[in-house]
Every structure is written in C-alpha cells, then in structure tokens.
Amino acid sequence: MEVIVVTYCASGEASSSKIRVRPLPGQGFDGWNVECSKAMRESAPVGQHFVLWVKPTRRKDGKEYLYSNHRQPWRPISPEEARRHVHGG
C-alpha cells in the first residue's frame, strides 16, 4: 500500500538510526514506526516527505509497524503534495 511519510530526528528514541521515518497523520497509522531504506532517509534534509510503498506488520512483541523493503521505490514530494494526498484536497 502507498503511504506518505516524513523523516525526523530520532533524538531521545531507542534507535540506532539518527534519522527515522513516520507516516503522516490521517492515514490510519498514527504513532507507527516505518522500517525503510537508509538511502532514502539520508537522501534529503530532515522533514522531507516521501511517497513510499509499505506493508503493515507486527514484531514478535506485538508492536505494529510499517515495513518497506530497502529496494522498494520511493519518491520525494513537497509538503503541499503530501497534504493533498492525505487529505484529498
């Protein structure tokens, strides 16, 4: 499935990645993490929005997250295009 995601700094989070990715609110995945390509995360400044194909999945501990294979294509988009895509306007 296609979702709109945004990169952010992971300060204070239990993660080895300095730059992380989360879905924009309003897509049914609020509060979920996204596991995806390091190349994508580091390809643009923090705060960049992307269109990304993901699969909802669950860790052994039951925590849900979105997974995108590192070979999966991704496309950077503007914040305005991201809002239009999520909110349909």
C-alpha atoms as a PDB file:
ATOM      1  CA  MET A   1       0.000   0.000   0.000  1.00  0.00           C
ATOM      2  CA  GLU A   2       1.118   3.548  -0.642  1.00  0.00           C
ATOM      3  CA  VAL A   3       1.563   5.972   2.277  1.00  0.00           C
ATOM      4  CA  ILE A   4       3.009   9.424   2.722  1.00  0.00           C
ATOM      5  CA  VAL A   5       5.877   9.544   5.195  1.00  0.00           C
ATOM      6  CA  VAL A   6       8.198  12.198   6.595  1.00  0.00           C
ATOM      7  CA  THR A   7      11.714  11.990   8.021  1.00  0.00           C
ATOM      8  CA  TYR A   8      12.546  13.272  11.512  1.00  0.00           C
ATOM      9  CA  CYS A   9      15.433  13.316  14.017  1.00  0.00           C
ATOM     10  CA  ALA A  10      15.292  10.405  16.435  1.00  0.00           C
ATOM     11  CA  SER A  11      16.718  12.213  19.455  1.00  0.00           C
ATOM     12  CA  GLY A  12      15.679  10.552  22.697  1.00  0.00           C
ATOM     13  CA  GLU A  13      14.332   7.426  20.983  1.00  0.00           C
ATOM     14  CA  ALA A  14      15.646   3.900  21.353  1.00  0.00           C
ATOM     15  CA  SER A  15      17.023   3.637  17.830  1.00  0.00           C
ATOM     16  CA  SER A  16      20.432   3.284  16.236  1.00  0.00           C
ATOM     17  CA  SER A  17      19.230   5.478  13.342  1.00  0.00           C
ATOM     18  CA  LYS A  18      19.636   9.228  13.725  1.00  0.00           C
ATOM     19  CA  ILE A  19      17.006   9.864  11.065  1.00  0.00           C
ATOM     20  CA  ARG A  20      13.724   7.990  11.285  1.00  0.00           C
ATOM     21  CA  VAL A  21      10.530   7.925   9.261  1.00  0.00           C
ATOM     22  CA  ARG A  22       6.874   8.093  10.289  1.00  0.00           C
ATOM     23  CA  PRO A  23       3.628   8.167   8.329  1.00  0.00           C
ATOM     24  CA  LEU A  24       1.770  11.469   8.198  1.00  0.00           C
ATOM     25  CA  PRO A  25      -1.307  11.526  10.454  1.00  0.00           C
ATOM     26  CA  GLY A  26      -4.676  10.735   8.924  1.00  0.00           C
ATOM     27  CA  GLN A  27      -3.680   7.561   7.072  1.00  0.00           C
ATOM     28  CA  GLY A  28      -4.591   5.087   9.812  1.00  0.00           C
ATOM     29  CA  PHE A  29      -1.055   4.567  11.109  1.00  0.00           C
ATOM     30  CA  ASP A  30      -0.660   7.364  13.673  1.00  0.00           C
ATOM     31  CA  GLY A  31       2.159   6.555  16.107  1.00  0.00           C
ATOM     32  CA  TRP A  32       3.596   3.733  13.991  1.00  0.00           C
ATOM     33  CA  ASN A  33       7.264   3.492  13.030  1.00  0.00           C
ATOM     34  CA  VAL A  34       8.450   2.828   9.484  1.00  0.00           C
ATOM     35  CA  GLU A  35      11.317   0.486   8.661  1.00  0.00           C
ATOM     36  CA  CYS A  36      12.753   1.515   5.302  1.00  0.00           C
ATOM     37  CA  SER A  37      15.813   2.310   3.226  1.00  0.00           C
ATOM     38  CA  LYS A  38      18.677   4.153   4.914  1.00  0.00           C
ATOM     39  CA  ALA A  39      19.492   5.631   1.497  1.00  0.00           C
ATOM     40  CA  MET A  40      16.008   7.174   1.361  1.00  0.00           C
ATOM     41  CA  ARG A  41      16.283   8.579   4.896  1.00  0.00           C
ATOM     42  CA  GLU A  42      19.645  10.172   4.118  1.00  0.00           C
ATOM     43  CA  SER A  43      18.821  11.375   0.586  1.00  0.00           C
ATOM     44  CA  ALA A  44      17.264  14.681   1.640  1.00  0.00           C
ATOM     45  CA  PRO A  45      17.096  17.062   4.612  1.00  0.00           C
ATOM     46  CA  VAL A  46      15.150  16.014   7.709  1.00  0.00           C
ATOM     47  CA  GLY A  47      11.483  16.895   7.229  1.00  0.00           C
ATOM     48  CA  GLN A  48      11.335  15.640   3.629  1.00  0.00           C
ATOM     49  CA  HIS A  49       8.082  13.946   2.619  1.00  0.00           C
ATOM     50  CA  PHE A  50       8.066  10.786   0.501  1.00  0.00           C
ATOM     51  CA  VAL A  51       5.577   8.504  -1.209  1.00  0.00           C
ATOM     52  CA  LEU A  52       6.506   5.024  -0.035  1.00  0.00           C
ATOM     53  CA  TRP A  53       5.075   1.533  -0.575  1.00  0.00           C
ATOM     54  CA  VAL A  54       4.780  -0.296   2.746  1.00  0.00           C
ATOM     55  CA  LYS A  55       3.349  -3.413   4.331  1.00  0.00           C
ATOM     56  CA  PRO A  56       1.792  -3.283   7.809  1.00  0.00           C
ATOM     57  CA  THR A  57       3.457  -5.887  10.007  1.00  0.00           C
ATOM     58  CA  ARG A  58       3.964  -6.819  13.640  1.00  0.00           C
ATOM     59  CA  ARG A  59       7.066  -7.575  15.708  1.00  0.00           C
ATOM     60  CA  LYS A  60       7.286 -10.640  17.927  1.00  0.00           C
ATOM     61  CA  ASP A  61       6.465  -8.423  20.928  1.00  0.00           C
ATOM     62  CA  GLY A  62       3.193  -7.409  19.230  1.00  0.00           C
ATOM     63  CA  LYS A  63       4.234  -3.853  18.252  1.00  0.00           C
ATOM     64  CA  GLU A  64       2.883  -2.869  14.828  1.00  0.00           C
ATOM     65  CA  TYR A  65       4.988  -1.005  12.269  1.00  0.00           C
ATOM     66  CA  LEU A  66       5.185  -0.346   8.545  1.00  0.00           C
ATOM     67  CA  TYR A  67       7.838  -2.159   6.528  1.00  0.00           C
ATOM     68  CA  SER A  68       9.269  -1.135   3.174  1.00  0.00           C
ATOM     69  CA  ASN A  69      11.976  -3.256   1.567  1.00  0.00           C
ATOM     70  CA  HIS A  70      15.150  -1.215   1.010  1.00  0.00           C
ATOM     71  CA  ARG A  71      14.869  -1.935  -2.737  1.00  0.00           C
ATOM     72  CA  GLN A  72      11.294  -0.621  -2.874  1.00  0.00           C
ATOM     73  CA  PRO A  73      10.982   2.574  -4.969  1.00  0.00           C
ATOM     74  CA  TRP A  74      10.275   5.861  -3.174  1.00  0.00           C
ATOM     75  CA  ARG A  75       9.568   9.368  -4.406  1.00  0.00           C
ATOM     76  CA  PRO A  76      10.176  12.694  -2.640  1.00  0.00           C
ATOM     77  CA  ILE A  77       7.219  15.098  -2.673  1.00  0.00           C
ATOM     78  CA  SER A  78       6.505  18.608  -1.424  1.00  0.00           C
ATOM     79  CA  PRO A  79       4.653  19.223   1.859  1.00  0.00           C
ATOM     80  CA  GLU A  80       1.733  20.619  -0.179  1.00  0.00           C
ATOM     81  CA  GLU A  81       1.526  17.492  -2.336  1.00  0.00           C
ATOM     82  CA  ALA A  82       1.714  15.362   0.825  1.00  0.00           C
ATOM     83  CA  ARG A  83      -1.218  17.211   2.397  1.00  0.00           C
ATOM     84  CA  ARG A  84      -3.296  16.913  -0.785  1.00  0.00           C
ATOM     85  CA  HIS A  85      -2.581  13.194  -0.958  1.00  0.00           C
ATOM     86  CA  VAL A  86      -3.510  12.542   2.685  1.00  0.00           C
ATOM     87  CA  HIS A  87      -6.469  14.918   2.957  1.00  0.00           C
ATOM     88  CA  GLY A  88      -7.731  14.683  -0.618  1.00  0.00           C
ATOM     89  CA  GLY A  89      -7.703  18.423  -1.239  1.00  0.00           C
END
